[in-house]
Amino acid sequence: MSEDEVVCSAKGCRAPAVHALVWNNPKLHTADREKTWVACEEHLRSLSQFLDLRGFLRRVDVL
C-alpha cells in the first residue's frame, strides 16, 4: 500500500478504501457541515448501515 492510498475507517481494517460515506449529525453539526468516513468493499454495508440507522448518512460516493 502506498502513502497515497486511503485506508478503510472500519476498526482494524487496513484495506484500501473505495467509497466515501458522507454524513452529518444534525444534533452536533450545522446543516452545511459534512463529515466523511471511507470504506473498503467489505465494510461498505456495515458502516453505511450504522450511519443510516441513526439518520446521519447523506450519500455514498465512489473514490
N, C-alpha and C. Protein backbone atom coordinates (compact mmCIF):
# COMPACT_ATOMS: atom_id res chain seq x y z
N MET A 1 0.84 -1.17 0.00
CA MET A 1 0.00 0.00 0.00
C MET A 1 0.89 1.24 0.00
N SER A 2 0.60 2.19 -0.88
CA SER A 2 1.40 3.40 -0.95
C SER A 2 0.88 4.45 0.04
N GLU A 3 1.67 5.48 0.25
CA GLU A 3 1.29 6.54 1.18
C GLU A 3 0.04 7.28 0.70
N ASP A 4 -0.23 7.27 -0.58
CA ASP A 4 -1.36 8.00 -1.15
C ASP A 4 -2.70 7.27 -0.99
N GLU A 5 -2.66 5.97 -0.71
CA GLU A 5 -3.90 5.21 -0.60
C GLU A 5 -4.62 5.53 0.71
N VAL A 6 -5.93 5.63 0.60
CA VAL A 6 -6.78 5.89 1.75
C VAL A 6 -7.20 4.54 2.34
N VAL A 7 -7.12 4.42 3.66
CA VAL A 7 -7.42 3.16 4.35
C VAL A 7 -8.83 3.20 4.92
N CYS A 8 -9.53 2.09 4.85
CA CYS A 8 -10.88 1.93 5.36
C CYS A 8 -10.99 2.40 6.81
N SER A 9 -12.11 3.03 7.15
CA SER A 9 -12.36 3.54 8.50
C SER A 9 -12.81 2.48 9.49
N ALA A 10 -13.15 1.28 9.03
CA ALA A 10 -13.59 0.23 9.94
C ALA A 10 -12.47 -0.15 10.90
N LYS A 11 -12.83 -0.38 12.14
CA LYS A 11 -11.84 -0.70 13.17
C LYS A 11 -11.00 -1.91 12.77
N GLY A 12 -9.69 -1.71 12.78
CA GLY A 12 -8.75 -2.79 12.49
C GLY A 12 -8.54 -3.11 11.02
N CYS A 13 -9.30 -2.48 10.14
CA CYS A 13 -9.17 -2.77 8.71
C CYS A 13 -8.05 -1.93 8.12
N ARG A 14 -7.23 -2.54 7.28
CA ARG A 14 -6.14 -1.83 6.61
C ARG A 14 -6.30 -1.89 5.09
N ALA A 15 -7.48 -2.29 4.64
CA ALA A 15 -7.74 -2.40 3.20
C ALA A 15 -7.91 -1.02 2.57
N PRO A 16 -7.59 -0.90 1.31
CA PRO A 16 -7.79 0.39 0.62
C PRO A 16 -9.28 0.74 0.57
N ALA A 17 -9.58 1.99 0.83
CA ALA A 17 -10.96 2.46 0.77
C ALA A 17 -11.33 2.76 -0.68
N VAL A 18 -12.56 2.43 -1.03
CA VAL A 18 -13.05 2.69 -2.39
C VAL A 18 -14.35 3.50 -2.38
N HIS A 19 -14.90 3.77 -1.20
CA HIS A 19 -16.13 4.55 -1.07
C HIS A 19 -15.97 5.59 0.01
N ALA A 20 -16.62 6.73 -0.18
CA ALA A 20 -16.67 7.78 0.85
C ALA A 20 -18.11 7.86 1.34
N LEU A 21 -18.30 7.71 2.64
CA LEU A 21 -19.62 7.82 3.25
C LEU A 21 -19.71 9.22 3.85
N VAL A 22 -20.55 10.04 3.26
CA VAL A 22 -20.69 11.43 3.70
C VAL A 22 -21.87 11.50 4.66
N TRP A 23 -21.61 12.06 5.84
CA TRP A 23 -22.63 12.07 6.88
C TRP A 23 -22.60 13.36 7.68
N ASN A 24 -23.66 13.52 8.50
CA ASN A 24 -23.79 14.69 9.35
C ASN A 24 -24.69 14.32 10.52
N ASN A 25 -24.27 14.68 11.73
CA ASN A 25 -25.10 14.51 12.92
C ASN A 25 -25.76 15.85 13.18
N PRO A 26 -27.06 15.98 12.87
CA PRO A 26 -27.71 17.28 12.99
C PRO A 26 -27.78 17.82 14.42
N LYS A 27 -27.61 16.97 15.41
CA LYS A 27 -27.60 17.45 16.80
C LYS A 27 -26.28 18.12 17.15
N LEU A 28 -25.22 17.82 16.40
CA LEU A 28 -23.90 18.37 16.69
C LEU A 28 -23.36 19.32 15.63
N HIS A 29 -23.77 19.12 14.38
CA HIS A 29 -23.19 19.86 13.27
C HIS A 29 -24.21 20.75 12.58
N THR A 30 -23.73 21.87 12.03
CA THR A 30 -24.60 22.71 11.21
C THR A 30 -24.97 21.94 9.94
N ALA A 31 -26.04 22.36 9.31
CA ALA A 31 -26.56 21.64 8.13
C ALA A 31 -25.55 21.57 6.98
N ASP A 32 -24.67 22.56 6.88
CA ASP A 32 -23.71 22.57 5.77
C ASP A 32 -22.45 21.77 6.06
N ARG A 33 -22.29 21.29 7.27
CA ARG A 33 -21.10 20.51 7.64
C ARG A 33 -21.22 19.08 7.16
N GLU A 34 -20.19 18.57 6.53
CA GLU A 34 -20.17 17.18 6.07
C GLU A 34 -18.95 16.48 6.65
N LYS A 35 -19.19 15.36 7.27
CA LYS A 35 -18.12 14.51 7.79
C LYS A 35 -17.98 13.34 6.83
N THR A 36 -16.82 12.70 6.81
CA THR A 36 -16.59 11.60 5.88
C THR A 36 -15.91 10.43 6.56
N TRP A 37 -16.46 9.25 6.35
CA TRP A 37 -15.79 8.00 6.65
C TRP A 37 -15.49 7.38 5.29
N VAL A 38 -14.48 6.54 5.23
CA VAL A 38 -14.17 5.83 3.99
C VAL A 38 -14.28 4.34 4.24
N ALA A 39 -14.64 3.59 3.21
CA ALA A 39 -14.89 2.16 3.38
C ALA A 39 -14.33 1.36 2.21
N CYS A 40 -13.84 0.17 2.54
CA CYS A 40 -13.49 -0.82 1.52
C CYS A 40 -14.80 -1.52 1.12
N GLU A 41 -14.75 -2.36 0.10
CA GLU A 41 -15.95 -3.10 -0.33
C GLU A 41 -16.53 -3.93 0.81
N GLU A 42 -15.68 -4.58 1.58
CA GLU A 42 -16.14 -5.47 2.66
C GLU A 42 -16.91 -4.74 3.75
N HIS A 43 -16.53 -3.51 4.07
CA HIS A 43 -17.15 -2.79 5.18
C HIS A 43 -18.16 -1.72 4.76
N LEU A 44 -18.39 -1.56 3.47
CA LEU A 44 -19.32 -0.55 2.99
C LEU A 44 -20.71 -0.74 3.62
N ARG A 45 -21.21 -1.93 3.60
CA ARG A 45 -22.56 -2.18 4.11
C ARG A 45 -22.67 -1.90 5.61
N SER A 46 -21.74 -2.41 6.40
CA SER A 46 -21.86 -2.25 7.85
C SER A 46 -21.68 -0.79 8.28
N LEU A 47 -20.73 -0.08 7.67
CA LEU A 47 -20.53 1.33 8.03
C LEU A 47 -21.70 2.19 7.58
N SER A 48 -22.21 1.94 6.38
CA SER A 48 -23.33 2.74 5.89
C SER A 48 -24.61 2.44 6.69
N GLN A 49 -24.82 1.19 7.09
CA GLN A 49 -25.98 0.85 7.91
C GLN A 49 -25.90 1.53 9.27
N PHE A 50 -24.72 1.56 9.87
CA PHE A 50 -24.53 2.21 11.16
C PHE A 50 -24.96 3.68 11.08
N LEU A 51 -24.50 4.38 10.05
CA LEU A 51 -24.83 5.79 9.89
C LEU A 51 -26.30 5.98 9.51
N ASP A 52 -26.82 5.14 8.63
CA ASP A 52 -28.19 5.27 8.16
C ASP A 52 -29.20 5.03 9.27
N LEU A 53 -28.95 4.05 10.13
CA LEU A 53 -29.87 3.77 11.24
C LEU A 53 -30.03 4.97 12.17
N ARG A 54 -29.01 5.80 12.26
CA ARG A 54 -29.04 6.98 13.11
C ARG A 54 -29.53 8.23 12.37
N GLY A 55 -29.79 8.06 11.07
CA GLY A 55 -30.25 9.18 10.26
C GLY A 55 -29.15 10.16 9.88
N PHE A 56 -27.89 9.68 9.93
CA PHE A 56 -26.74 10.54 9.66
C PHE A 56 -26.27 10.48 8.21
N LEU A 57 -26.48 9.37 7.53
CA LEU A 57 -25.92 9.16 6.20
C LEU A 57 -26.58 10.07 5.18
N ARG A 58 -25.78 10.82 4.46
CA ARG A 58 -26.28 11.71 3.40
C ARG A 58 -26.13 11.07 2.03
N ARG A 59 -24.94 10.49 1.78
CA ARG A 59 -24.71 9.86 0.48
C ARG A 59 -23.44 9.01 0.54
N VAL A 60 -23.30 8.16 -0.46
CA VAL A 60 -22.10 7.34 -0.62
C VAL A 60 -21.51 7.68 -1.98
N ASP A 61 -20.25 8.11 -1.98
CA ASP A 61 -19.55 8.45 -3.21
C ASP A 61 -18.46 7.43 -3.49
N VAL A 62 -18.16 7.21 -4.75
CA VAL A 62 -17.05 6.34 -5.14
C VAL A 62 -15.79 7.19 -5.14
N LEU A 63 -14.72 6.66 -4.56
CA LEU A 63 -13.44 7.39 -4.54
C LEU A 63 -12.71 7.27 -5.86
